[in-house]
Amino acid sequence: MISNYEAQIFLKEIGRLIDDYYRCKELRVKNEIGLEIQLLTQLISSELISN
């Protein structure tokens, strides 16, 4: 279980990753960033549902 503070940190990181995703010109790196966004989103979603 993650705290609200930890969830806020993850959400800020997702925001930064989204910015990086749209600025990225290299497809391979862009795909990796997209996977990171999905992973963090799933983590937060599963934690919020379980609470």
C-alpha atoms as a PDB file:
ATOM      1  CA  MET A   1       0.000   0.000   0.000  1.00  0.00           C
ATOM      2  CA  ILE A   2       1.336   3.417  -0.902  1.00  0.00           C
ATOM      3  CA  SER A   3       0.627   6.586   1.011  1.00  0.00           C
ATOM      4  CA  ASN A   4      -1.006   9.659  -0.489  1.00  0.00           C
ATOM      5  CA  TYR A   5       2.397  11.358  -0.413  1.00  0.00           C
ATOM      6  CA  GLU A   6       3.960   8.519  -2.406  1.00  0.00           C
ATOM      7  CA  ALA A   7       1.073   8.606  -4.891  1.00  0.00           C
ATOM      8  CA  GLN A   8       1.687  12.338  -5.387  1.00  0.00           C
ATOM      9  CA  ILE A   9       5.358  11.651  -6.085  1.00  0.00           C
ATOM     10  CA  PHE A  10       4.432   9.002  -8.655  1.00  0.00           C
ATOM     11  CA  LEU A  11       1.921  11.373 -10.287  1.00  0.00           C
ATOM     12  CA  LYS A  12       4.556  14.100 -10.576  1.00  0.00           C
ATOM     13  CA  GLU A  13       6.924  11.595 -12.171  1.00  0.00           C
ATOM     14  CA  ILE A  14       4.223  10.525 -14.630  1.00  0.00           C
ATOM     15  CA  GLY A  15       3.778  14.189 -15.567  1.00  0.00           C
ATOM     16  CA  ARG A  16       7.502  14.542 -16.208  1.00  0.00           C
ATOM     17  CA  LEU A  17       7.543  11.342 -18.235  1.00  0.00           C
ATOM     18  CA  ILE A  18       4.617  12.552 -20.347  1.00  0.00           C
ATOM     19  CA  ASP A  19       6.523  15.766 -21.077  1.00  0.00           C
ATOM     20  CA  ASP A  20       9.582  13.710 -22.032  1.00  0.00           C
ATOM     21  CA  TYR A  21       7.441  11.432 -24.187  1.00  0.00           C
ATOM     22  CA  TYR A  22       6.097  14.300 -26.297  1.00  0.00           C
ATOM     23  CA  ARG A  23       9.518  15.943 -26.639  1.00  0.00           C
ATOM     24  CA  CYS A  24      11.327  12.731 -27.567  1.00  0.00           C
ATOM     25  CA  LYS A  25      12.289  12.282 -31.200  1.00  0.00           C
ATOM     26  CA  GLU A  26      13.838   8.804 -30.931  1.00  0.00           C
ATOM     27  CA  LEU A  27      11.181   6.103 -31.298  1.00  0.00           C
ATOM     28  CA  ARG A  28      12.968   3.482 -29.191  1.00  0.00           C
ATOM     29  CA  VAL A  29      13.340   5.866 -26.248  1.00  0.00           C
ATOM     30  CA  LYS A  30       9.790   7.149 -26.707  1.00  0.00           C
ATOM     31  CA  ASN A  31       8.492   3.572 -26.475  1.00  0.00           C
ATOM     32  CA  GLU A  32      10.474   2.986 -23.270  1.00  0.00           C
ATOM     33  CA  ILE A  33       9.067   6.163 -21.745  1.00  0.00           C
ATOM     34  CA  GLY A  34       5.564   5.028 -22.720  1.00  0.00           C
ATOM     35  CA  LEU A  35       6.120   1.728 -20.924  1.00  0.00           C
ATOM     36  CA  GLU A  36       7.281   3.564 -17.800  1.00  0.00           C
ATOM     37  CA  ILE A  37       4.138   5.720 -17.904  1.00  0.00           C
ATOM     38  CA  GLN A  38       1.957   2.615 -18.204  1.00  0.00           C
ATOM     39  CA  LEU A  39       3.748   0.863 -15.345  1.00  0.00           C
ATOM     40  CA  LEU A  40       3.409   3.787 -12.942  1.00  0.00           C
ATOM     41  CA  THR A  41      -0.209   4.367 -13.962  1.00  0.00           C
ATOM     42  CA  GLN A  42      -1.072   0.720 -13.307  1.00  0.00           C
ATOM     43  CA  LEU A  43       0.690   0.830  -9.957  1.00  0.00           C
ATOM     44  CA  ILE A  44      -1.227   3.884  -8.796  1.00  0.00           C
ATOM     45  CA  SER A  45      -4.527   2.558 -10.158  1.00  0.00           C
ATOM     46  CA  SER A  46      -4.173  -0.789  -8.414  1.00  0.00           C
ATOM     47  CA  GLU A  47      -3.235   0.922  -5.147  1.00  0.00           C
ATOM     48  CA  LEU A  48      -6.187   3.313  -5.301  1.00  0.00           C
ATOM     49  CA  ILE A  49      -8.605   0.488  -6.072  1.00  0.00           C
ATOM     50  CA  SER A  50      -7.307  -1.675  -3.220  1.00  0.00           C
ATOM     51  CA  ASN A  51      -7.716   1.133  -0.680  1.00  0.00           C
END
